[in-house]
N, C-alpha and C. Protein backbone atom coordinates (compact mmCIF):
# COMPACT_ATOMS: atom_id res chain seq x y z
N MET A 1 0.78 -1.31 -0.10
CA MET A 1 -0.02 0.04 -0.10
C MET A 1 0.90 1.22 0.05
N ALA A 2 0.49 2.20 -0.73
CA ALA A 2 1.27 3.41 -0.90
C ALA A 2 1.07 4.30 -0.15
N PHE A 3 1.64 5.23 0.59
CA PHE A 3 1.38 5.98 1.62
C PHE A 3 0.37 7.01 1.01
N GLU A 4 -0.35 7.70 1.72
CA GLU A 4 -1.48 8.57 1.20
C GLU A 4 -1.60 9.70 2.05
N LEU A 5 -1.52 11.07 1.74
CA LEU A 5 -1.82 12.20 2.75
C LEU A 5 -2.97 11.86 3.17
N PRO A 6 -3.57 11.97 4.53
CA PRO A 6 -4.67 11.96 4.86
C PRO A 6 -5.38 13.34 5.01
N ASP A 7 -6.78 13.58 4.97
CA ASP A 7 -7.05 14.86 5.04
C ASP A 7 -7.22 15.17 6.63
N LEU A 8 -6.75 16.62 6.95
CA LEU A 8 -6.91 16.91 8.53
C LEU A 8 -8.46 16.71 8.91
N PRO A 9 -8.36 16.00 10.05
CA PRO A 9 -9.95 15.67 10.89
C PRO A 9 -10.44 17.28 11.07
N TYR A 10 -10.34 18.07 10.57
CA TYR A 10 -10.99 19.60 11.12
C TYR A 10 -10.28 20.27 10.00
N ALA A 11 -10.81 21.77 9.75
CA ALA A 11 -10.58 22.54 8.55
C ALA A 11 -9.34 23.26 9.34
N HIS A 12 -8.50 23.80 8.09
CA HIS A 12 -7.37 24.28 8.46
C HIS A 12 -7.15 25.41 9.32
N ASP A 13 -8.31 26.29 9.57
CA ASP A 13 -8.29 27.46 10.33
C ASP A 13 -9.16 26.88 11.83
N ALA A 14 -9.32 25.70 12.04
CA ALA A 14 -10.21 25.26 13.12
C ALA A 14 -9.61 25.21 14.42
N LEU A 15 -8.09 25.27 14.38
CA LEU A 15 -7.18 25.22 15.66
C LEU A 15 -6.69 26.69 16.08
N ALA A 16 -7.03 27.54 15.07
CA ALA A 16 -6.54 28.88 15.22
C ALA A 16 -6.76 29.65 16.59
N PRO A 17 -7.98 29.55 17.05
CA PRO A 17 -8.41 30.18 18.28
C PRO A 17 -7.97 29.55 19.38
N LYS A 18 -7.37 28.30 19.18
CA LYS A 18 -6.54 27.65 20.33
C LYS A 18 -4.74 27.69 20.14
N GLY A 19 -4.57 28.56 19.26
CA GLY A 19 -3.09 28.79 18.99
C GLY A 19 -2.41 28.22 17.97
N MET A 20 -2.83 27.36 17.02
CA MET A 20 -2.32 26.77 15.89
C MET A 20 -2.90 27.22 14.60
N SER A 21 -2.62 28.00 13.84
CA SER A 21 -2.86 29.04 12.99
C SER A 21 -3.07 28.09 11.65
N ARG A 22 -4.16 28.67 10.69
CA ARG A 22 -4.09 28.32 9.51
C ARG A 22 -2.82 28.08 8.77
N GLU A 23 -2.08 29.07 8.86
CA GLU A 23 -0.57 28.99 8.18
C GLU A 23 0.26 27.90 8.60
N THR A 24 0.40 27.53 9.85
CA THR A 24 1.02 26.60 10.26
C THR A 24 0.53 25.50 9.72
N LEU A 25 -0.67 25.08 9.69
CA LEU A 25 -1.32 23.87 9.31
C LEU A 25 -1.12 23.57 7.68
N GLU A 26 -1.27 24.75 7.00
CA GLU A 26 -1.01 24.95 5.62
C GLU A 26 0.34 24.41 5.09
N PHE A 27 1.40 24.76 6.00
CA PHE A 27 2.70 24.56 5.71
C PHE A 27 3.09 23.09 6.51
N HIS A 28 2.48 22.81 7.52
CA HIS A 28 2.97 21.70 8.16
C HIS A 28 2.31 20.26 7.52
N HIS A 29 0.81 20.41 7.36
CA HIS A 29 0.35 19.29 6.60
C HIS A 29 0.32 19.51 5.23
N ASP A 30 0.21 20.19 4.55
CA ASP A 30 0.05 20.32 3.16
C ASP A 30 1.26 20.27 2.38
N ILE A 31 2.39 20.75 3.30
CA ILE A 31 3.85 20.98 2.27
C ILE A 31 4.70 19.85 3.14
N HIS A 32 4.80 19.82 4.45
CA HIS A 32 6.00 19.07 5.05
C HIS A 32 5.33 17.29 5.31
N HIS A 33 4.22 17.31 5.75
CA HIS A 33 3.57 15.98 5.64
C HIS A 33 3.47 15.38 4.22
N LYS A 34 3.23 16.06 3.44
CA LYS A 34 3.18 15.73 1.99
C LYS A 34 4.39 15.22 1.56
N ALA A 35 5.32 15.87 2.01
CA ALA A 35 6.74 15.77 1.42
C ALA A 35 7.25 14.47 2.09
N TYR A 36 6.84 14.08 3.12
CA TYR A 36 7.15 12.72 3.91
C TYR A 36 6.38 11.64 2.91
N VAL A 37 5.16 11.72 2.34
CA VAL A 37 4.40 10.65 1.70
C VAL A 37 5.23 10.80 0.32
N ASP A 38 5.29 11.85 -0.40
CA ASP A 38 6.13 11.64 -1.85
C ASP A 38 7.37 10.92 -1.65
N ASN A 39 7.98 11.51 -0.73
CA ASN A 39 9.81 10.89 -0.90
C ASN A 39 9.67 9.37 -0.01
N GLY A 40 8.57 9.28 0.85
CA GLY A 40 8.57 7.92 1.13
C GLY A 40 8.06 6.83 0.10
N ASN A 41 7.24 7.31 -0.62
CA ASN A 41 6.87 6.39 -1.95
C ASN A 41 7.91 6.12 -2.69
N LYS A 42 8.70 7.18 -3.00
CA LYS A 42 9.68 7.21 -3.99
C LYS A 42 10.98 6.13 -3.14
N ALA A 43 11.05 6.40 -1.92
CA ALA A 43 12.21 5.62 -1.27
C ALA A 43 11.91 4.11 -1.51
N ILE A 44 10.70 3.65 -1.11
CA ILE A 44 10.19 2.12 -0.94
C ILE A 44 9.97 1.52 -2.26
N ALA A 45 9.86 2.44 -3.40
CA ALA A 45 9.58 1.78 -4.72
C ALA A 45 10.64 0.76 -5.11
N GLY A 46 10.12 -0.46 -5.49
CA GLY A 46 11.04 -1.30 -5.90
C GLY A 46 12.07 -2.19 -4.79
N THR A 47 11.50 -1.75 -3.50
CA THR A 47 12.11 -2.50 -2.42
C THR A 47 11.42 -3.58 -1.77
N GLU A 48 12.03 -4.26 -0.91
CA GLU A 48 11.07 -5.23 -0.13
C GLU A 48 9.90 -4.58 0.78
N TRP A 49 10.00 -3.12 0.83
CA TRP A 49 9.20 -2.64 1.68
C TRP A 49 7.87 -2.05 0.87
N GLU A 50 7.84 -1.79 -0.40
CA GLU A 50 6.87 -1.53 -1.19
C GLU A 50 5.63 -2.29 -0.80
N GLY A 51 4.66 -1.68 -0.53
CA GLY A 51 3.32 -2.20 -0.41
C GLY A 51 3.04 -2.49 1.18
N LYS A 52 3.96 -2.34 1.82
CA LYS A 52 4.13 -2.96 3.36
C LYS A 52 3.26 -1.76 4.03
N PRO A 53 2.73 -1.95 5.38
CA PRO A 53 2.19 -1.16 6.15
C PRO A 53 3.24 -0.10 6.80
N ALA A 54 2.94 1.09 7.01
CA ALA A 54 3.95 1.93 7.76
C ALA A 54 4.70 1.44 8.74
N GLU A 55 3.76 0.90 9.93
CA GLU A 55 4.39 0.40 11.08
C GLU A 55 5.20 -0.80 10.86
N GLU A 56 4.88 -1.73 9.71
CA GLU A 56 6.13 -2.59 9.67
C GLU A 56 7.42 -2.09 8.98
N ILE A 57 7.12 -1.17 8.02
CA ILE A 57 8.44 -0.57 7.42
C ILE A 57 9.29 0.33 8.69
N ILE A 58 8.73 0.88 9.59
CA ILE A 58 9.21 1.50 10.57
C ILE A 58 9.79 0.50 11.50
N LYS A 59 9.51 -0.65 11.95
CA LYS A 59 9.99 -1.56 12.73
C LYS A 59 11.23 -2.27 12.20
N GLY A 60 10.99 -2.42 10.82
CA GLY A 60 12.12 -3.36 9.88
C GLY A 60 13.10 -2.32 9.52
N THR A 61 13.07 -1.12 9.84
CA THR A 61 14.27 -0.57 8.96
C THR A 61 14.94 0.47 10.28
N TYR A 62 14.36 0.34 11.46
CA TYR A 62 15.11 1.15 12.46
C TYR A 62 16.30 0.50 12.82
N ASP A 63 17.31 1.25 12.97
CA ASP A 63 18.54 0.75 13.43
C ASP A 63 18.97 1.60 14.60
N PRO A 64 18.97 0.82 15.66
CA PRO A 64 19.19 1.67 17.12
C PRO A 64 20.66 1.93 17.11
N ASN A 65 21.73 1.22 16.41
CA ASN A 65 23.08 1.63 16.56
C ASN A 65 23.43 3.07 15.48
N ALA A 66 22.68 3.37 14.73
CA ALA A 66 22.83 4.06 13.71
C ALA A 66 23.16 5.68 14.20
N VAL A 67 24.09 6.43 13.57
CA VAL A 67 24.13 7.82 14.00
C VAL A 67 22.94 8.60 13.11
N ALA A 68 22.45 8.39 12.06
CA ALA A 68 21.56 8.58 11.37
C ALA A 68 20.82 7.54 10.38
N GLN A 69 19.35 7.63 10.65
CA GLN A 69 18.53 6.64 9.94
C GLN A 69 18.71 6.59 8.43
N SER A 70 17.91 5.69 8.10
CA SER A 70 17.88 5.66 6.33
C SER A 70 16.86 6.49 6.00
N GLY A 71 16.64 6.87 4.53
CA GLY A 71 15.81 7.65 4.10
C GLY A 71 14.23 7.05 4.04
N ILE A 72 14.28 5.73 3.83
CA ILE A 72 13.10 4.86 4.21
C ILE A 72 12.38 5.06 5.36
N PHE A 73 13.35 4.88 6.56
CA PHE A 73 12.84 4.75 7.95
C PHE A 73 12.20 6.38 8.24
N ASN A 74 13.06 7.46 7.73
CA ASN A 74 12.79 8.69 8.09
C ASN A 74 11.54 9.08 7.58
N ASN A 75 11.25 8.87 6.31
CA ASN A 75 10.06 9.25 5.73
C ASN A 75 8.83 8.54 6.19
N ALA A 76 9.14 6.92 6.31
CA ALA A 76 7.99 6.24 6.67
C ALA A 76 7.51 6.67 8.39
N SER A 77 8.54 6.83 9.19
CA SER A 77 8.25 7.32 10.38
C SER A 77 7.56 8.67 10.51
N GLN A 78 8.03 9.62 9.90
CA GLN A 78 7.46 10.84 9.73
C GLN A 78 6.03 10.93 9.27
N TYR A 79 5.55 9.89 8.28
CA TYR A 79 4.38 9.91 7.67
C TYR A 79 3.72 9.47 8.80
N TRP A 80 3.84 8.24 9.69
CA TRP A 80 3.19 7.83 10.69
C TRP A 80 2.99 8.56 11.73
N ASN A 81 3.97 9.31 12.19
CA ASN A 81 3.87 10.30 13.25
C ASN A 81 2.98 11.39 13.00
N HIS A 82 2.92 12.03 11.97
CA HIS A 82 2.09 12.89 11.58
C HIS A 82 0.64 12.64 11.45
N ASN A 83 0.41 11.27 11.13
CA ASN A 83 -0.97 10.76 10.96
C ASN A 83 -1.58 10.77 12.28
N GLN A 84 -0.75 10.40 13.42
CA GLN A 84 -1.14 10.36 14.81
C GLN A 84 -1.25 11.75 15.35
N PHE A 85 -0.34 12.46 14.95
CA PHE A 85 -0.35 14.02 15.57
C PHE A 85 -1.80 14.71 15.32
N TRP A 86 -2.24 14.47 14.03
CA TRP A 86 -3.41 15.50 13.70
C TRP A 86 -4.54 14.79 14.43
N GLU A 87 -4.74 13.53 14.76
CA GLU A 87 -5.89 13.03 15.47
C GLU A 87 -5.64 13.25 16.95
N MET A 88 -4.46 13.66 17.50
CA MET A 88 -4.49 13.82 18.89
C MET A 88 -4.84 15.15 19.29
N MET A 89 -5.19 16.13 18.23
CA MET A 89 -5.95 17.46 18.42
C MET A 89 -7.26 17.85 18.05
N THR A 90 -7.61 18.75 18.66
CA THR A 90 -8.90 18.95 18.25
C THR A 90 -9.40 20.41 18.47
N PRO A 91 -10.29 20.82 17.66
CA PRO A 91 -10.68 22.24 18.03
C PRO A 91 -11.93 22.22 19.00
N ASP A 92 -12.36 21.18 19.30
CA ASP A 92 -13.43 21.25 20.59
C ASP A 92 -12.84 21.25 21.97
N ASN A 93 -13.77 21.59 22.72
CA ASN A 93 -13.39 21.69 24.21
C ASN A 93 -13.55 20.19 24.85
N VAL A 94 -12.70 19.54 25.07
CA VAL A 94 -12.62 18.10 25.43
C VAL A 94 -12.09 18.02 26.73
N GLY A 95 -12.85 17.60 27.77
CA GLY A 95 -12.29 17.31 28.82
C GLY A 95 -11.59 16.23 28.88
N MET A 96 -10.68 15.65 30.16
CA MET A 96 -10.05 14.84 30.34
C MET A 96 -10.89 13.54 30.70
N PRO A 97 -11.30 12.45 30.02
CA PRO A 97 -12.07 11.23 30.81
C PRO A 97 -11.46 10.86 32.12
N GLY A 98 -12.37 10.37 33.05
CA GLY A 98 -11.77 10.03 34.18
C GLY A 98 -10.80 8.90 34.39
N GLU A 99 -11.00 8.01 33.32
CA GLU A 99 -9.74 6.71 33.49
C GLU A 99 -8.51 6.89 33.19
N LEU A 100 -8.54 8.13 32.20
CA LEU A 100 -7.23 8.44 31.89
C LEU A 100 -6.83 9.36 32.98
N GLU A 101 -7.45 10.44 33.68
CA GLU A 101 -7.01 11.21 34.72
C GLU A 101 -6.40 10.29 35.78
N SER A 102 -7.18 9.15 36.14
CA SER A 102 -6.64 8.21 37.07
C SER A 102 -5.36 7.45 36.51
N ALA A 103 -5.24 7.18 35.50
CA ALA A 103 -3.92 6.49 34.86
C ALA A 103 -2.84 7.30 35.03
N LEU A 104 -2.96 8.59 34.83
CA LEU A 104 -2.04 9.57 34.94
C LEU A 104 -1.71 9.94 36.40
N THR A 105 -2.60 10.07 37.05
CA THR A 105 -2.21 10.28 38.70
C THR A 105 -1.78 9.23 39.18
N GLU A 106 -1.91 7.86 38.73
CA GLU A 106 -1.26 6.69 39.60
C GLU A 106 0.35 6.63 39.05
N SER A 107 0.37 7.05 37.62
CA SER A 107 1.86 6.91 37.10
C SER A 107 2.72 7.99 37.54
N PHE A 108 1.93 9.17 37.59
CA PHE A 108 2.98 10.62 37.76
C PHE A 108 2.49 11.37 39.07
N GLY A 109 1.73 10.84 39.64
CA GLY A 109 1.39 11.64 41.02
C GLY A 109 0.35 12.48 40.79
N SER A 110 -0.05 13.06 39.62
CA SER A 110 -1.09 14.48 39.17
C SER A 110 -0.87 14.43 37.67
N VAL A 111 -1.98 14.88 37.21
CA VAL A 111 -2.10 15.31 35.95
C VAL A 111 -1.17 16.38 35.80
N ASP A 112 -1.18 17.35 36.61
CA ASP A 112 -0.15 18.32 36.60
C ASP A 112 1.52 17.94 36.51
N LYS A 113 1.74 16.94 37.54
CA LYS A 113 2.92 16.46 37.22
C LYS A 113 3.45 15.82 35.96
N PHE A 114 2.33 15.26 35.38
CA PHE A 114 2.38 14.59 33.95
C PHE A 114 2.76 15.72 33.00
N LYS A 115 2.06 16.78 33.05
CA LYS A 115 2.22 17.82 31.92
C LYS A 115 3.56 18.49 32.29
N GLU A 116 4.09 18.49 33.35
CA GLU A 116 5.40 19.06 33.61
C GLU A 116 6.28 18.01 33.10
N GLU A 117 6.31 16.86 33.40
CA GLU A 117 7.26 15.98 32.63
C GLU A 117 7.26 16.01 31.24
N PHE A 118 5.97 16.05 30.72
CA PHE A 118 5.79 15.86 29.21
C PHE A 118 6.35 17.21 28.54
N SER A 119 6.30 18.27 29.30
CA SER A 119 6.63 19.74 28.80
C SER A 119 8.07 19.70 28.70
N ALA A 120 8.68 19.36 29.84
CA ALA A 120 10.22 19.13 30.01
C ALA A 120 10.78 18.31 28.96
N ALA A 121 10.22 17.06 28.67
CA ALA A 121 10.68 16.39 27.74
C ALA A 121 10.68 17.04 26.37
N GLY A 122 9.63 17.62 25.93
CA GLY A 122 9.66 18.28 24.69
C GLY A 122 10.44 19.46 24.56
N ALA A 123 10.62 20.27 25.56
CA ALA A 123 11.63 21.37 25.67
C ALA A 123 13.11 20.88 25.78
N GLY A 124 13.34 19.75 26.36
CA GLY A 124 14.46 19.27 26.42
C GLY A 124 15.08 18.42 25.13
N GLN A 125 14.30 18.28 24.24
CA GLN A 125 14.87 17.39 23.24
C GLN A 125 15.52 18.36 22.30
N PHE A 126 16.87 18.10 22.20
CA PHE A 126 17.96 18.93 21.31
C PHE A 126 17.53 18.68 19.98
N GLY A 127 17.36 19.71 19.31
CA GLY A 127 16.95 19.83 17.71
C GLY A 127 15.90 19.11 17.53
N SER A 128 15.65 18.80 16.53
CA SER A 128 14.15 18.17 15.95
C SER A 128 13.97 16.92 16.77
N GLY A 129 12.71 16.76 16.98
CA GLY A 129 12.18 15.35 17.47
C GLY A 129 10.71 15.47 17.98
N TRP A 130 10.41 14.57 18.79
CA TRP A 130 9.03 14.44 19.41
C TRP A 130 9.29 13.96 20.86
N ALA A 131 7.92 14.43 21.70
CA ALA A 131 8.06 13.92 22.96
C ALA A 131 6.91 13.23 23.06
N TRP A 132 6.59 12.16 23.80
CA TRP A 132 5.59 10.94 23.64
C TRP A 132 4.95 10.75 25.25
N LEU A 133 3.87 10.30 25.39
CA LEU A 133 3.41 9.69 26.42
C LEU A 133 2.99 8.15 26.00
N VAL A 134 3.75 6.98 26.39
CA VAL A 134 3.50 5.83 26.09
C VAL A 134 3.04 4.72 27.12
N LYS A 135 2.56 3.87 26.57
CA LYS A 135 2.41 2.73 27.49
C LYS A 135 3.49 1.50 27.06
N ASP A 136 4.40 1.52 28.28
CA ASP A 136 5.73 0.76 28.08
C ASP A 136 5.50 -0.72 28.07
N THR A 137 6.64 -1.43 27.60
CA THR A 137 6.39 -3.09 27.66
C THR A 137 5.96 -3.64 28.90
N ASP A 138 6.45 -2.77 29.93
CA ASP A 138 6.10 -3.43 31.19
C ASP A 138 4.53 -3.04 31.66
N GLY A 139 3.96 -2.37 30.84
CA GLY A 139 2.71 -2.01 31.18
C GLY A 139 2.42 -0.53 31.89
N GLY A 140 3.69 0.15 32.07
CA GLY A 140 3.48 1.27 32.95
C GLY A 140 3.38 2.57 31.72
N LEU A 141 2.78 3.79 32.23
CA LEU A 141 2.71 4.83 31.45
C LEU A 141 4.33 5.49 31.76
N LYS A 142 4.85 6.00 30.52
CA LYS A 142 6.02 6.88 30.63
C LYS A 142 6.25 8.01 29.71
N VAL A 143 6.91 9.06 30.17
CA VAL A 143 7.18 10.08 29.02
C VAL A 143 8.26 9.90 28.61
N THR A 144 8.53 9.83 27.23
CA THR A 144 9.77 9.66 26.45
C THR A 144 10.05 10.95 25.59
N LYS A 145 11.25 10.99 24.92
CA LYS A 145 11.40 11.89 23.94
C LYS A 145 12.06 11.33 22.91
N THR A 146 12.10 11.70 21.57
CA THR A 146 12.97 10.72 20.64
C THR A 146 13.34 11.91 19.57
N GLU A 147 14.66 11.73 18.91
CA GLU A 147 15.25 12.57 17.96
C GLU A 147 14.61 12.45 16.52
N ASN A 148 14.54 13.40 15.76
CA ASN A 148 14.10 13.27 14.48
C ASN A 148 12.81 12.55 14.04
N GLY A 149 12.67 11.66 13.68
CA GLY A 149 11.33 10.70 13.39
C GLY A 149 11.24 9.43 14.22
N VAL A 150 12.42 9.02 15.05
CA VAL A 150 12.25 8.04 15.85
C VAL A 150 10.80 8.14 16.61
N ASN A 151 10.39 6.85 16.90
CA ASN A 151 8.96 6.95 17.53
C ASN A 151 8.62 5.52 18.52
N PRO A 152 7.69 5.68 19.38
CA PRO A 152 7.52 4.56 20.12
C PRO A 152 7.43 3.08 19.62
N LEU A 153 7.01 3.06 18.13
CA LEU A 153 7.02 1.77 17.45
C LEU A 153 8.16 1.05 17.41
N CYS A 154 9.25 1.84 17.78
CA CYS A 154 10.91 1.48 17.49
C CYS A 154 11.16 0.70 18.71
N PHE A 155 10.34 0.80 19.76
CA PHE A 155 10.77 0.29 21.25
C PHE A 155 9.56 -0.59 21.60
N ASN A 156 8.82 -0.85 20.64
CA ASN A 156 7.53 -1.80 20.93
C ASN A 156 6.67 -1.22 21.96
N GLN A 157 6.69 0.10 22.03
CA GLN A 157 5.66 0.97 23.07
C GLN A 157 4.41 1.27 22.39
N THR A 158 3.48 1.56 23.26
CA THR A 158 2.09 1.96 22.47
C THR A 158 2.06 3.56 22.58
N THR A 159 1.73 4.07 21.56
CA THR A 159 1.58 5.65 21.53
C THR A 159 0.40 6.15 22.01
N LEU A 160 0.35 6.87 23.15
CA LEU A 160 -0.79 7.57 23.36
C LEU A 160 -1.05 9.00 23.33
N LEU A 161 0.22 9.46 23.04
CA LEU A 161 0.14 11.16 22.98
C LEU A 161 1.38 11.44 22.34
N GLY A 162 1.57 12.42 21.31
CA GLY A 162 2.91 12.71 20.78
C GLY A 162 2.61 14.21 20.56
N VAL A 163 3.83 15.14 20.49
CA VAL A 163 4.09 16.40 20.12
C VAL A 163 5.17 16.48 19.29
N ASP A 164 5.03 17.14 18.26
CA ASP A 164 6.03 17.25 17.38
C ASP A 164 6.80 18.51 17.73
N VAL A 165 8.03 18.58 17.94
CA VAL A 165 8.90 19.50 18.45
C VAL A 165 9.99 20.06 17.44
N TRP A 166 9.69 19.62 16.10
CA TRP A 166 10.40 20.33 15.01
C TRP A 166 9.86 21.81 14.80
N GLU A 167 10.74 22.52 14.40
CA GLU A 167 10.49 24.10 14.35
C GLU A 167 9.30 24.19 13.37
N HIS A 168 9.03 23.45 12.43
CA HIS A 168 8.15 23.77 11.28
C HIS A 168 6.65 23.57 12.23
N SER A 169 6.74 22.97 13.63
CA SER A 169 5.32 22.69 13.90
C SER A 169 4.89 23.99 14.72
N TYR A 170 5.89 25.04 15.07
CA TYR A 170 5.38 26.03 16.03
C TYR A 170 6.34 27.25 15.57
N TYR A 171 6.99 27.43 14.68
CA TYR A 171 7.90 28.56 14.46
C TYR A 171 6.87 29.75 14.07
N ILE A 172 5.88 29.43 13.35
CA ILE A 172 5.23 30.46 12.74
C ILE A 172 4.02 31.45 14.06
N ASP A 173 3.99 30.33 14.84
CA ASP A 173 2.99 30.98 15.70
C ASP A 173 3.69 31.17 17.27
N PHE A 174 4.67 30.68 17.26
CA PHE A 174 5.56 31.05 18.52
C PHE A 174 6.88 31.52 18.50
N ARG A 175 7.46 31.52 17.45
CA ARG A 175 8.86 31.61 16.88
C ARG A 175 9.61 30.65 17.75
N ASN A 176 10.53 31.22 18.60
CA ASN A 176 11.44 30.39 19.22
C ASN A 176 11.13 29.84 20.55
N LYS A 177 9.88 29.93 20.91
CA LYS A 177 9.31 29.83 22.28
C LYS A 177 8.79 28.21 22.33
N ARG A 178 9.63 27.48 22.39
CA ARG A 178 9.06 26.04 22.33
C ARG A 178 8.43 25.80 23.44
N PRO A 179 8.76 26.00 25.06
CA PRO A 179 8.05 25.67 25.90
C PRO A 179 6.68 26.23 25.87
N ALA A 180 6.40 27.66 25.33
CA ALA A 180 5.16 28.02 25.31
C ALA A 180 4.25 27.51 24.35
N TYR A 181 4.69 26.74 23.12
CA TYR A 181 4.16 26.26 22.35
C TYR A 181 3.56 24.61 23.03
N LEU A 182 4.48 24.27 23.92
CA LEU A 182 4.29 23.15 24.38
C LEU A 182 2.92 23.07 25.53
N GLN A 183 3.08 24.14 26.20
CA GLN A 183 1.94 24.47 27.18
C GLN A 183 0.84 24.80 26.51
N ASN A 184 0.71 25.49 25.45
CA ASN A 184 -0.51 25.77 24.86
C ASN A 184 -0.93 24.33 24.27
N PHE A 185 -0.05 23.32 23.58
CA PHE A 185 -0.65 22.40 23.01
C PHE A 185 -1.28 21.54 24.17
N LEU A 186 -0.45 21.24 25.31
CA LEU A 186 -1.34 20.60 26.64
C LEU A 186 -2.69 21.19 27.13
N ASP A 187 -2.72 22.54 27.28
CA ASP A 187 -3.86 23.21 27.74
C ASP A 187 -4.87 23.35 26.94
N ASN A 188 -4.85 23.61 25.40
CA ASN A 188 -5.79 23.92 24.56
C ASN A 188 -6.04 22.93 23.50
N LEU A 189 -5.05 22.25 23.10
CA LEU A 189 -5.21 21.56 21.65
C LEU A 189 -5.32 20.08 21.87
N VAL A 190 -4.92 19.30 22.79
CA VAL A 190 -4.66 17.81 23.26
C VAL A 190 -6.38 17.23 23.16
N ASN A 191 -6.54 16.36 22.31
CA ASN A 191 -7.76 15.59 22.41
C ASN A 191 -7.79 14.40 23.28
N TRP A 192 -8.16 14.75 24.41
CA TRP A 192 -7.93 13.90 25.69
C TRP A 192 -8.77 12.74 25.55
N GLU A 193 -9.86 12.81 24.71
CA GLU A 193 -10.86 11.50 24.53
C GLU A 193 -9.90 10.48 23.25
N ASN A 194 -9.08 11.12 22.54
CA ASN A 194 -8.39 10.11 21.66
C ASN A 194 -7.27 9.69 22.45
N VAL A 195 -6.78 10.25 23.35
CA VAL A 195 -5.65 9.63 24.31
C VAL A 195 -6.28 8.52 25.08
N ALA A 196 -7.25 8.74 25.60
CA ALA A 196 -8.12 7.70 26.43
C ALA A 196 -8.51 6.57 25.70
N GLU A 197 -8.96 6.86 24.37
CA GLU A 197 -9.24 5.61 23.69
C GLU A 197 -8.00 4.89 23.23
N ARG A 198 -6.95 5.54 22.96
CA ARG A 198 -5.80 4.71 22.70
C ARG A 198 -5.23 3.95 23.96
N LEU A 199 -5.29 4.42 25.17
CA LEU A 199 -5.03 3.78 26.35
C LEU A 199 -6.13 2.69 26.57
N SER A 200 -7.39 2.76 26.37
CA SER A 200 -8.14 1.64 26.33
C SER A 200 -8.02 0.40 25.66
N LYS A 201 -7.34 0.61 24.44
CA LYS A 201 -6.98 -0.42 23.40
C LYS A 201 -5.52 -0.82 23.60
N ALA A 202 -4.77 -0.24 24.50
CA ALA A 202 -3.27 -0.70 24.81
C ALA A 202 -3.10 -1.91 25.53
């Protein structure tokens, strides 16, 4: 199956009142995400990975010992990462479901402590990358950060929430203020029902 650019689950300007502008989504989704789709399809053409699901390609091409990952991995992982990212945000005012609040409190001490740890991971990721809330292989919830396109699939973890800390995700709206972008993401943009649904299936 070829990679295909998904439609956003909301209008390009739907997140603007919550701090993510139409311009950001036009650049981020329509240009950057599309580039991962197009370059990924070119990279896998004629290889053993052509026609394979993105998840299989990511797990099969990740090299934990490499200084830089392959073009196939980078484009497949960033294609998958962004597919998740759009679904993890919403223009609606969505409260945190009780089961998710309980799970976060049990794992981190409180929801606020989880947010502090998640924000610190995103702010502390040197250069481009992602911060994640995952269900780890031992069943516990953890906050992690990864460089470039590396994601929880590489470590057999279940992705519950992720935030893109590449500059193209926030520079138009927040310039170099990555911590402010992360705070706004957690306070205004996260679709907590989506996170809770992922946890219930994990």
